N, C-alpha and C. Protein backbone atom coordinates (compact mmCIF):
# COMPACT_ATOMS: atom_id res chain seq x y z
N MET A 1 -24.13 12.00 -67.87
CA MET A 1 -23.40 10.78 -68.38
C MET A 1 -22.21 10.91 -69.06
N SER A 2 -21.10 10.31 -68.60
CA SER A 2 -19.99 10.61 -69.27
C SER A 2 -19.63 9.89 -70.49
N LYS A 3 -18.95 10.41 -71.37
CA LYS A 3 -18.58 9.59 -72.63
C LYS A 3 -17.28 8.83 -72.43
N ILE A 4 -17.44 7.53 -72.72
CA ILE A 4 -16.21 6.60 -72.65
C ILE A 4 -15.61 6.69 -74.10
N SER A 5 -14.37 7.02 -74.25
CA SER A 5 -13.72 6.95 -75.58
C SER A 5 -13.27 5.48 -75.79
N LYS A 6 -13.51 5.12 -77.33
CA LYS A 6 -13.29 4.04 -77.67
C LYS A 6 -11.70 3.67 -77.91
N ARG A 7 -11.05 4.96 -78.16
CA ARG A 7 -9.56 4.80 -78.53
C ARG A 7 -8.93 4.67 -77.25
N SER A 8 -7.76 3.79 -77.32
CA SER A 8 -6.95 3.70 -75.94
C SER A 8 -6.06 4.79 -76.08
N THR A 9 -5.69 5.11 -74.85
CA THR A 9 -4.72 6.36 -74.68
C THR A 9 -3.38 5.81 -74.77
N ILE A 10 -2.49 6.47 -75.55
CA ILE A 10 -1.04 6.25 -75.76
C ILE A 10 -0.40 6.91 -74.83
N LEU A 11 0.45 6.35 -73.90
CA LEU A 11 1.44 6.77 -72.80
C LEU A 11 2.86 6.76 -73.48
N MET A 12 3.27 7.99 -73.84
CA MET A 12 4.65 8.08 -74.41
C MET A 12 5.57 7.76 -72.96
N PRO A 13 6.74 7.06 -73.24
CA PRO A 13 7.88 6.92 -72.11
C PRO A 13 8.24 8.15 -71.76
N THR A 14 8.84 8.39 -70.54
CA THR A 14 9.49 9.63 -70.26
C THR A 14 11.03 9.52 -70.78
N ALA A 15 11.69 10.60 -70.64
CA ALA A 15 13.13 10.56 -71.20
C ALA A 15 13.90 9.39 -70.61
N GLU A 16 13.95 9.24 -69.28
CA GLU A 16 14.55 8.34 -68.51
C GLU A 16 14.03 6.85 -69.03
N GLU A 17 12.88 6.59 -68.99
CA GLU A 17 12.34 5.36 -69.57
C GLU A 17 13.00 5.01 -70.90
N ASP A 18 12.84 5.99 -71.65
CA ASP A 18 13.30 5.89 -72.99
C ASP A 18 14.70 5.40 -73.15
N LYS A 19 15.46 6.01 -72.41
CA LYS A 19 16.96 5.82 -72.14
C LYS A 19 17.05 4.19 -71.77
N THR A 20 16.35 3.81 -70.93
CA THR A 20 16.50 2.42 -70.39
C THR A 20 16.09 1.54 -71.45
N ILE A 21 14.85 1.73 -72.23
CA ILE A 21 14.53 1.07 -73.36
C ILE A 21 15.48 0.82 -74.41
N THR A 22 16.07 2.08 -74.74
CA THR A 22 17.06 2.10 -75.83
C THR A 22 18.33 1.09 -75.47
N ALA A 23 18.67 1.31 -74.24
CA ALA A 23 20.00 0.66 -73.73
C ALA A 23 19.72 -0.82 -73.80
N ALA A 24 18.36 -1.48 -73.23
CA ALA A 24 18.06 -2.71 -73.17
C ALA A 24 18.00 -3.25 -74.74
N ALA A 25 17.41 -2.41 -75.76
CA ALA A 25 17.41 -2.75 -77.13
C ALA A 25 18.95 -3.04 -77.65
N LYS A 26 19.76 -2.21 -77.42
CA LYS A 26 21.17 -2.14 -77.87
C LYS A 26 22.06 -3.25 -77.39
N SER A 27 21.60 -3.74 -76.20
CA SER A 27 22.34 -4.89 -75.66
C SER A 27 21.78 -6.26 -76.01
N ASP A 28 20.60 -6.29 -76.71
CA ASP A 28 19.99 -7.49 -77.22
C ASP A 28 20.70 -7.89 -78.68
N LEU A 29 21.58 -8.82 -78.83
CA LEU A 29 22.12 -9.03 -80.25
C LEU A 29 21.24 -9.47 -81.23
N ASP A 30 19.82 -9.95 -80.70
CA ASP A 30 18.88 -10.39 -82.03
C ASP A 30 18.23 -8.89 -82.42
N ALA A 31 18.45 -7.73 -81.80
CA ALA A 31 17.39 -6.81 -81.86
C ALA A 31 18.34 -5.41 -81.94
N GLN A 32 19.19 -5.51 -82.79
CA GLN A 32 20.11 -4.54 -82.85
C GLN A 32 19.29 -3.25 -83.78
N PRO A 33 19.60 -2.05 -83.52
CA PRO A 33 18.99 -0.98 -84.24
C PRO A 33 19.48 -0.97 -85.60
N LEU A 34 18.78 -0.37 -86.73
CA LEU A 34 19.15 -0.34 -88.07
C LEU A 34 20.19 0.72 -88.21
N THR A 35 21.32 0.47 -88.96
CA THR A 35 22.24 1.57 -89.26
C THR A 35 21.55 2.66 -90.38
N PRO A 36 22.13 3.78 -90.24
CA PRO A 36 21.84 4.91 -91.27
C PRO A 36 21.78 4.19 -92.65
N LYS A 37 22.70 3.42 -93.12
CA LYS A 37 22.85 2.74 -94.18
C LYS A 37 21.52 1.78 -94.65
N GLN A 38 21.33 1.07 -93.78
CA GLN A 38 20.10 0.33 -93.80
C GLN A 38 18.61 0.89 -93.68
N LEU A 39 18.78 1.93 -93.14
CA LEU A 39 17.43 2.78 -93.12
C LEU A 39 17.40 3.46 -94.45
N LYS A 40 18.24 4.03 -95.08
CA LYS A 40 18.33 4.70 -96.43
C LYS A 40 17.92 3.85 -97.44
N ALA A 41 18.22 2.36 -97.27
CA ALA A 41 17.99 1.56 -98.20
C ALA A 41 16.61 0.98 -98.32
N MET A 42 15.86 1.37 -97.19
CA MET A 42 14.51 0.84 -96.99
C MET A 42 13.53 1.66 -98.06
N VAL A 43 12.65 0.86 -98.60
CA VAL A 43 11.67 1.44 -99.55
C VAL A 43 10.16 1.37 -99.14
N PRO A 44 9.31 2.33 -99.08
CA PRO A 44 8.12 2.12 -98.56
C PRO A 44 7.18 1.15 -99.19
N ILE A 45 6.31 0.44 -98.47
CA ILE A 45 5.84 -0.92 -98.99
C ILE A 45 4.91 -0.44 -99.96
N ARG A 46 4.10 0.58 -100.18
CA ARG A 46 3.39 1.05 -101.23
C ARG A 46 4.01 1.14 -102.62
N ALA A 47 5.44 1.39 -102.49
CA ALA A 47 5.98 1.58 -103.63
C ALA A 47 6.37 0.13 -104.35
N LEU A 48 6.22 -0.91 -103.35
CA LEU A 48 6.52 -2.32 -104.03
C LEU A 48 5.08 -2.98 -104.36
N ARG A 49 3.99 -2.40 -103.96
CA ARG A 49 2.75 -3.27 -104.33
C ARG A 49 2.28 -3.15 -105.44
N GLY A 50 1.63 -3.92 -106.21
CA GLY A 50 0.78 -4.02 -107.23
C GLY A 50 1.74 -3.80 -108.44
N ARG A 51 1.15 -3.68 -109.68
CA ARG A 51 1.83 -3.52 -110.94
C ARG A 51 2.38 -2.02 -111.08
N PRO A 52 3.49 -2.05 -111.87
CA PRO A 52 4.09 -0.68 -111.97
C PRO A 52 3.15 0.09 -112.84
N ARG A 53 3.13 1.34 -112.73
CA ARG A 53 2.16 2.29 -113.41
C ARG A 53 2.70 2.31 -114.80
N SER A 54 1.75 2.29 -115.98
CA SER A 54 1.86 2.19 -117.15
C SER A 54 1.99 3.58 -117.68
N GLU A 55 2.94 3.87 -118.78
CA GLU A 55 3.16 5.31 -119.31
C GLU A 55 1.71 5.52 -120.26
N ASN A 56 1.27 4.37 -120.74
CA ASN A 56 0.13 4.50 -121.78
C ASN A 56 -1.03 3.94 -120.86
N LYS A 57 -1.59 4.91 -120.22
CA LYS A 57 -2.94 4.63 -119.56
C LYS A 57 -4.12 4.38 -120.34
N LYS A 58 -4.76 3.20 -120.04
CA LYS A 58 -5.89 2.89 -120.91
C LYS A 58 -7.06 3.30 -120.20
N LEU A 59 -8.23 3.43 -120.88
CA LEU A 59 -9.57 3.97 -120.32
C LEU A 59 -10.31 2.65 -120.14
N LEU A 60 -11.09 2.71 -118.90
CA LEU A 60 -12.16 1.61 -118.84
C LEU A 60 -13.44 2.18 -119.45
N VAL A 61 -14.03 1.18 -120.28
CA VAL A 61 -15.14 1.45 -121.00
C VAL A 61 -15.98 0.11 -121.03
N SER A 62 -17.30 0.28 -121.02
CA SER A 62 -18.21 -0.81 -121.34
C SER A 62 -18.57 -0.78 -122.71
N VAL A 63 -18.26 -2.07 -123.30
CA VAL A 63 -18.59 -2.29 -124.89
C VAL A 63 -18.98 -3.56 -125.04
N ARG A 64 -20.11 -3.74 -126.13
CA ARG A 64 -20.64 -5.16 -126.26
C ARG A 64 -20.21 -5.57 -127.63
N TYR A 65 -19.66 -6.65 -127.52
CA TYR A 65 -19.08 -7.47 -128.73
C TYR A 65 -19.87 -8.71 -128.96
N SER A 66 -19.95 -9.26 -130.19
CA SER A 66 -20.75 -10.21 -130.37
C SER A 66 -20.11 -11.55 -129.91
N PRO A 67 -20.72 -12.51 -129.47
CA PRO A 67 -20.40 -13.60 -128.92
C PRO A 67 -19.14 -14.47 -129.72
N GLU A 68 -19.41 -14.48 -131.03
CA GLU A 68 -18.40 -14.99 -131.73
C GLU A 68 -16.93 -14.38 -131.68
N VAL A 69 -16.88 -13.11 -131.70
CA VAL A 69 -15.63 -12.39 -131.55
C VAL A 69 -15.02 -12.66 -130.07
N ILE A 70 -15.75 -12.70 -128.96
CA ILE A 70 -15.29 -12.76 -127.74
C ILE A 70 -14.85 -14.43 -127.58
N ALA A 71 -15.55 -15.12 -128.23
CA ALA A 71 -15.23 -16.62 -127.95
C ALA A 71 -13.76 -16.84 -128.90
N TYR A 72 -13.53 -16.13 -130.18
CA TYR A 72 -12.52 -16.36 -130.83
C TYR A 72 -11.11 -15.73 -130.13
N PHE A 73 -11.36 -14.66 -129.23
CA PHE A 73 -10.16 -13.95 -128.77
C PHE A 73 -9.95 -14.89 -127.34
N LYS A 74 -11.07 -15.21 -126.82
CA LYS A 74 -10.80 -16.15 -125.54
C LYS A 74 -10.15 -17.32 -125.90
N SER A 75 -10.50 -17.85 -127.09
CA SER A 75 -9.89 -19.32 -127.38
C SER A 75 -8.43 -19.10 -127.59
N THR A 76 -7.83 -17.90 -127.86
CA THR A 76 -6.29 -17.54 -127.97
C THR A 76 -5.64 -17.84 -126.69
N GLY A 77 -6.28 -17.95 -125.50
CA GLY A 77 -5.58 -18.03 -124.34
C GLY A 77 -5.40 -16.82 -123.45
N GLU A 78 -4.60 -16.88 -122.49
CA GLU A 78 -4.20 -15.50 -121.62
C GLU A 78 -3.86 -14.56 -122.32
N GLY A 79 -4.50 -13.31 -122.07
CA GLY A 79 -3.87 -12.08 -122.68
C GLY A 79 -4.88 -11.62 -123.73
N TRP A 80 -6.02 -12.28 -123.84
CA TRP A 80 -6.82 -12.15 -124.85
C TRP A 80 -7.19 -10.76 -125.14
N GLN A 81 -7.55 -10.10 -124.05
CA GLN A 81 -7.93 -8.73 -124.07
C GLN A 81 -6.79 -7.70 -124.77
N SER A 82 -5.66 -7.95 -124.50
CA SER A 82 -4.63 -7.21 -124.92
C SER A 82 -4.23 -7.49 -126.47
N ARG A 83 -4.46 -8.77 -126.84
CA ARG A 83 -4.34 -8.92 -128.29
C ARG A 83 -5.62 -8.34 -129.16
N MET A 84 -6.88 -8.25 -128.27
CA MET A 84 -7.76 -7.60 -128.96
C MET A 84 -7.80 -6.06 -129.03
N ASP A 85 -6.99 -5.49 -128.13
CA ASP A 85 -6.57 -4.21 -128.08
C ASP A 85 -5.74 -3.79 -129.38
N GLY A 86 -4.80 -4.78 -129.45
CA GLY A 86 -3.82 -4.81 -130.64
C GLY A 86 -4.27 -4.74 -131.87
N VAL A 87 -5.26 -5.56 -132.12
CA VAL A 87 -6.20 -5.74 -133.24
C VAL A 87 -6.78 -4.25 -133.80
N LEU A 88 -7.40 -3.78 -132.67
CA LEU A 88 -8.29 -2.38 -132.61
C LEU A 88 -7.10 -1.28 -133.03
N ARG A 89 -6.01 -1.54 -132.24
CA ARG A 89 -4.92 -0.36 -132.62
C ARG A 89 -4.54 -0.42 -134.14
N LYS A 90 -4.33 -1.64 -134.51
CA LYS A 90 -3.85 -1.87 -136.23
C LYS A 90 -4.91 -1.27 -136.97
N TYR A 91 -6.22 -1.37 -136.54
CA TYR A 91 -7.11 -0.83 -137.59
C TYR A 91 -7.16 0.68 -137.48
N VAL A 92 -7.23 1.17 -136.36
CA VAL A 92 -7.04 2.74 -136.30
C VAL A 92 -5.77 3.28 -136.98
N THR A 93 -4.63 2.50 -136.97
CA THR A 93 -3.46 3.01 -137.80
C THR A 93 -3.59 3.01 -139.12
N ARG A 94 -4.30 1.81 -139.53
CA ARG A 94 -4.44 1.89 -141.02
C ARG A 94 -5.42 2.53 -141.64
N HIS A 95 -6.60 3.02 -140.79
CA HIS A 95 -7.68 3.86 -141.22
C HIS A 95 -7.83 5.23 -140.85
N SER A 96 -6.71 5.71 -140.09
CA SER A 96 -6.77 7.12 -139.66
C SER A 96 -6.32 8.06 -140.88
N ARG A 97 -7.16 8.89 -140.86
CA ARG A 97 -6.76 9.87 -141.93
C ARG A 97 -5.38 10.81 -141.62
N SER A 98 -4.76 10.97 -142.52
CA SER A 98 -3.39 11.65 -142.14
C SER A 98 -3.69 12.97 -142.82
N ALA A 99 -2.99 13.92 -142.06
CA ALA A 99 -3.41 15.44 -142.65
C ALA A 99 -2.48 15.89 -143.70
């Protein structure tokens, strides 16, 4: 029993076919090749996706707070987690022992 490959075979054009394809592309005004300047200006898409990386990486932890604390911070609107982090940072700054 022979194995049938699920991958399609990619056939690369010969040098002559490649020249014909390139000539046809260059003659099409709507499909002009990119200039070296345009190619240099291109940025990989993964560099544009998502949030910029933070210099202050935060740790993901699981913590349980009382319902009243969560309700208060949520009632302050969007960004309540960041405000909660700010309050805890202030507490640490005030209560840390200086050597």
